[in-house]
């Protein structure tokens, strides 16, 4: 045997026959090399498996986190959209109040919110889209903040005006004095008594006898009595040149000089005076001149 050979003795447990296995040095080295390579390869594969599995878990966690963030972004975007819609409603309400109060309109907010064009976010990947969406929401919030500040200033101006005009508004006959059917409006009409056209200085509201008549605004009673054509007549002075007249009453519950508030019971519907049936003849006068009562009624 050469110097580079090795002998392996195999001694069976139940036999005395000894077997000899001769292995050359080169073969032994080869076997050791293969074994070492197998161990290293197995270790590498195990490490790679653990590493890949860890990355899979990380990717899974990132996907779940992205889904959560997408949901949060969508919810936040919906809230911003809701706030924008509420601001639109507030602007419309503000504009209506300014028409009623004859105040100038506030500075327009169109430069802050008027944008358009194609949605470039569709051309971006999710990460880029998320950044764009976040930036857009920050921009929308900045716009809403500016608009809210302008709206707050506008409402403050309206509040100050309304406080100053509170007494005048309370003295404006803006509600119906009685509920019923309008049988004759203000203006020219065919007289039921003469058959000729004649100017009607008020508005007739037909309803049952005894139906309560209420004050359409704050004021003071200046006349209670019977007058030709009107029958039992009641007159209220509301100040600011405004007065209201109530004709054909069956009963009157207030006295001259008495102060009344909007909604107070004044009289009961009747058919006294020149009348074809139970109704209220209602007039509004400005500085003594009859005007259309509908111009003041809001409800």
Foldseek 3Di string as FASTA:
>chain_A
DDPQKDWDWDDDPPDRDIDIDIGGNVVVVVVVVVVVVVVVVVVVVVVVVVVVVVVVVVVVVVVVVLVVVVVVLVVLVVVLVVLVVVLVVLLVVLVVLCVVVVHDRFDDLCVLPPDDDDDCLVVDDPVVSVVVSVVVSVSSVVSSVVSVVSSVVSVVVSVVSCVVCVLVLQLFLAAFQFDAAWPDFAAWDQDPVPRHIDGQLFIKGADDWFGWGWGSHKFFWADFDQDAQFGTKTKTDSPPQKIKMKGQFPFADDDHGDIHGGGHTGTTWHHGHPGPTTIITMFMGGNRGTDGSVVRHDD
